[in-house]
Protein backbone atom coordinates (compact mmCIF):
# COMPACT_ATOMS: atom_id res chain seq x y z
CA MET A 1 -47.95 -12.99 0.24
CA ILE A 2 -45.05 -10.95 -1.01
CA ILE A 3 -42.38 -12.71 1.14
CA ASP A 4 -42.95 -16.42 1.93
CA SER A 5 -41.76 -18.43 4.96
CA LYS A 6 -38.40 -19.17 3.31
CA GLY A 7 -37.62 -15.43 2.86
CA LYS A 8 -38.21 -15.41 -0.88
CA LEU A 9 -39.90 -12.54 -2.69
CA PHE A 10 -42.99 -13.86 -4.55
CA GLY A 11 -41.67 -17.34 -3.73
CA LYS A 12 -38.92 -17.03 -6.36
CA ILE A 13 -36.24 -14.47 -5.39
CA ASN A 14 -34.19 -14.59 -2.19
CA ILE A 15 -34.61 -11.17 -0.49
CA ILE A 16 -30.95 -11.03 0.67
CA ASP A 17 -29.70 -11.69 -2.86
CA LEU A 18 -32.02 -8.98 -4.17
CA VAL A 19 -30.71 -6.44 -1.63
CA LEU A 20 -27.09 -7.29 -2.53
CA VAL A 21 -27.79 -6.90 -6.25
CA LEU A 22 -29.48 -3.53 -5.64
CA VAL A 23 -26.53 -2.30 -3.54
CA VAL A 24 -24.05 -3.29 -6.28
CA VAL A 25 -26.18 -1.60 -8.96
CA LEU A 26 -26.42 1.59 -6.87
CA LEU A 27 -22.64 1.62 -6.28
CA ILE A 28 -21.96 1.23 -9.99
CA ALA A 29 -24.47 3.96 -10.85
CA GLY A 30 -22.90 6.26 -8.25
CA GLY A 31 -19.42 5.66 -9.67
CA VAL A 32 -20.59 6.38 -13.21
CA TYR A 33 -22.26 9.59 -12.03
CA LYS A 34 -19.21 10.69 -10.00
CA PHE A 35 -16.54 9.99 -12.62
CA SER A 36 -18.30 10.98 -15.82
CA ASN A 37 -19.46 14.35 -16.97
CA PHE A 38 -23.02 14.17 -18.24
CA GLN A 39 -23.04 17.85 -19.13
CA SER A 40 -22.10 18.60 -22.69
CA ILE A 41 -18.95 20.68 -22.81
CA SER A 42 -18.87 23.03 -25.75
CA ALA A 43 -15.88 24.74 -27.29
CA GLU A 44 -16.98 27.98 -25.59
CA ASP A 45 -16.48 26.36 -22.18
CA ARG A 46 -12.79 25.72 -22.92
CA ARG A 47 -10.01 28.29 -22.88
CA GLN A 48 -6.33 28.26 -23.62
CA ILE A 49 -3.97 28.17 -20.65
CA ASN A 50 -0.20 28.05 -20.33
CA VAL A 51 1.21 25.47 -17.94
CA THR A 52 4.83 25.34 -16.77
CA ILE A 53 6.04 21.96 -15.59
CA GLU A 54 9.31 21.05 -13.92
CA ILE A 55 11.43 17.96 -14.50
CA GLU A 56 14.28 16.89 -12.23
CA GLY A 57 17.06 14.33 -12.46
CA GLU A 58 16.30 13.21 -16.02
CA LYS A 59 18.82 11.61 -18.40
CA LYS A 60 20.23 13.35 -21.50
CA GLY A 61 18.30 11.08 -23.88
CA LEU A 62 14.93 12.20 -22.55
CA VAL A 63 15.92 15.87 -22.36
CA ASP A 64 17.12 15.78 -25.98
CA ALA A 65 13.97 13.98 -27.16
CA ILE A 66 11.63 16.67 -25.79
CA LYS A 67 11.05 19.11 -28.64
CA GLU A 68 9.02 22.29 -29.06
CA GLY A 69 5.78 21.45 -30.88
CA ASP A 70 5.48 17.93 -29.43
CA ILE A 71 1.95 16.95 -28.39
CA LEU A 72 1.82 15.57 -24.86
CA LEU A 73 -0.82 13.13 -23.63
CA ASP A 74 -1.92 12.11 -20.15
CA SER A 75 -0.05 8.81 -19.82
CA VAL A 76 -2.90 7.10 -17.94
CA ARG A 77 -5.97 8.19 -19.90
CA GLY A 78 -4.30 8.93 -23.24
CA THR A 79 -6.16 12.24 -23.59
CA GLU A 80 -4.37 15.22 -25.10
CA PHE A 81 -2.73 17.40 -22.46
CA GLY A 82 -1.18 20.09 -24.65
CA LYS A 83 1.60 21.23 -26.97
CA ILE A 84 5.14 22.05 -25.86
CA THR A 85 5.93 25.73 -26.44
CA GLY A 86 9.46 25.78 -25.07
CA LYS A 87 11.95 24.26 -22.65
CA THR A 88 14.77 25.47 -20.45
CA ILE A 89 17.22 22.74 -19.40
CA ARG A 90 20.10 22.97 -16.93
CA PRO A 91 22.34 20.50 -15.10
CA HIS A 92 20.56 18.91 -12.14
CA GLN A 93 21.81 19.92 -8.70
CA GLU A 94 21.15 18.35 -5.33
CA LEU A 95 21.83 19.48 -1.80
CA VAL A 96 24.77 17.50 -0.39
CA ILE A 97 26.63 17.49 2.93
CA ASN A 98 30.39 17.78 2.51
CA LYS A 99 32.91 15.91 4.67
CA ASP A 100 33.54 19.06 6.69
CA GLY A 101 29.80 19.33 7.50
CA THR A 102 28.99 22.22 5.16
CA VAL A 103 25.92 21.96 2.97
CA GLU A 104 25.84 23.08 -0.65
CA TYR A 105 24.24 22.36 -4.00
CA LYS A 106 26.37 20.19 -6.27
CA GLU A 107 25.85 19.30 -9.91
CA ILE A 108 24.94 15.64 -10.52
CA PRO A 109 26.81 14.31 -13.59
CA GLY A 110 24.51 13.03 -16.36
CA ALA A 111 21.33 14.37 -14.75
CA PHE A 112 19.31 17.33 -15.98
CA ALA A 113 16.46 19.50 -14.71
CA GLY A 114 14.38 22.26 -16.22
CA GLU A 115 11.06 23.80 -17.05
CA ILE A 116 8.83 23.01 -19.99
CA GLY A 117 6.10 25.33 -21.24
CA ILE A 118 2.87 23.75 -22.45
CA GLU A 119 -0.10 25.33 -24.18
CA SER A 120 -3.30 23.50 -23.18
CA MET A 121 -7.04 23.77 -23.60
CA ALA A 122 -8.80 23.69 -20.24
CA ILE A 123 -12.11 24.15 -18.54
CA VAL A 124 -11.64 26.90 -15.95
CA ASP A 125 -14.40 27.60 -13.44
CA ASN A 126 -14.87 28.33 -9.73
CA GLU A 127 -14.17 24.64 -8.94
CA GLY A 128 -10.71 24.68 -10.55
CA ILE A 129 -8.94 23.84 -13.78
CA LEU A 130 -9.61 20.68 -15.78
CA VAL A 131 -7.14 19.65 -18.51
CA ALA A 132 -7.64 16.40 -20.43
CA THR A 133 -10.27 15.26 -17.88
CA LYS A 134 -7.68 15.73 -15.11
CA PRO A 135 -7.86 18.38 -12.36
CA LEU A 136 -4.74 20.54 -12.47
CA TYR A 137 -3.12 22.23 -9.47
CA ILE A 138 0.19 23.97 -8.86
CA GLY A 139 2.38 21.42 -7.09
CA SER A 140 0.60 18.37 -8.47
CA GLU A 141 2.64 15.58 -10.04
CA ILE A 142 1.53 14.32 -13.43
CA ARG A 143 2.82 11.70 -15.84
CA LEU A 144 2.92 12.77 -19.47
CA LYS A 145 3.92 11.02 -22.68
CA SER A 146 4.40 11.60 -26.37
CA ASN A 147 4.85 9.05 -29.10
CA LEU A 148 8.59 8.80 -28.16
CA TYR A 149 8.91 9.28 -24.41
CA VAL A 150 7.18 9.30 -21.03
CA PHE A 151 8.10 11.24 -17.88
CA THR A 152 6.85 12.41 -14.51
CA CYS A 153 6.81 16.12 -13.74
CA LYS A 154 5.45 18.70 -11.33
CA VAL A 155 3.19 21.64 -12.23
CA VAL A 156 4.91 24.88 -11.14
CA ASP A 157 2.80 27.57 -12.85
CA ILE A 158 -0.59 27.96 -14.53
CA ARG A 159 -1.53 31.14 -16.45
CA TYR A 160 -4.80 31.94 -18.22
């Protein structure tokens, strides 16, 4: 018999344990398939794009450390995101309610905001844009780093 009276396969393996092991193996295989790209991506599949990111409420030290030509990496995966092509920095402003009830933008001392241009290599197809193994969308928040600093920003423009 294949399954004996004790529920063991060939009298040696518990059938419930076997099913659990198979489920775990299938889940792992599904995760590997979902999160890895088995297709080989050639240099012809990649194209240069220009990404504009926005920073808000950052300190002077970080703003001064960001330099044109810096290579930025995805802070989680460590893959190259792109090279900084320029930055525009201004004092950070927030909407505040005055004592008389009026609402206006006021400059926050010691805080800065601005846009940073980045030149990246990306895979662009009908499913979207993939930069450094990360899907990229206008409005998405990303965390980037260099060898000197790390910051969170928002994607405001993508051109290709």
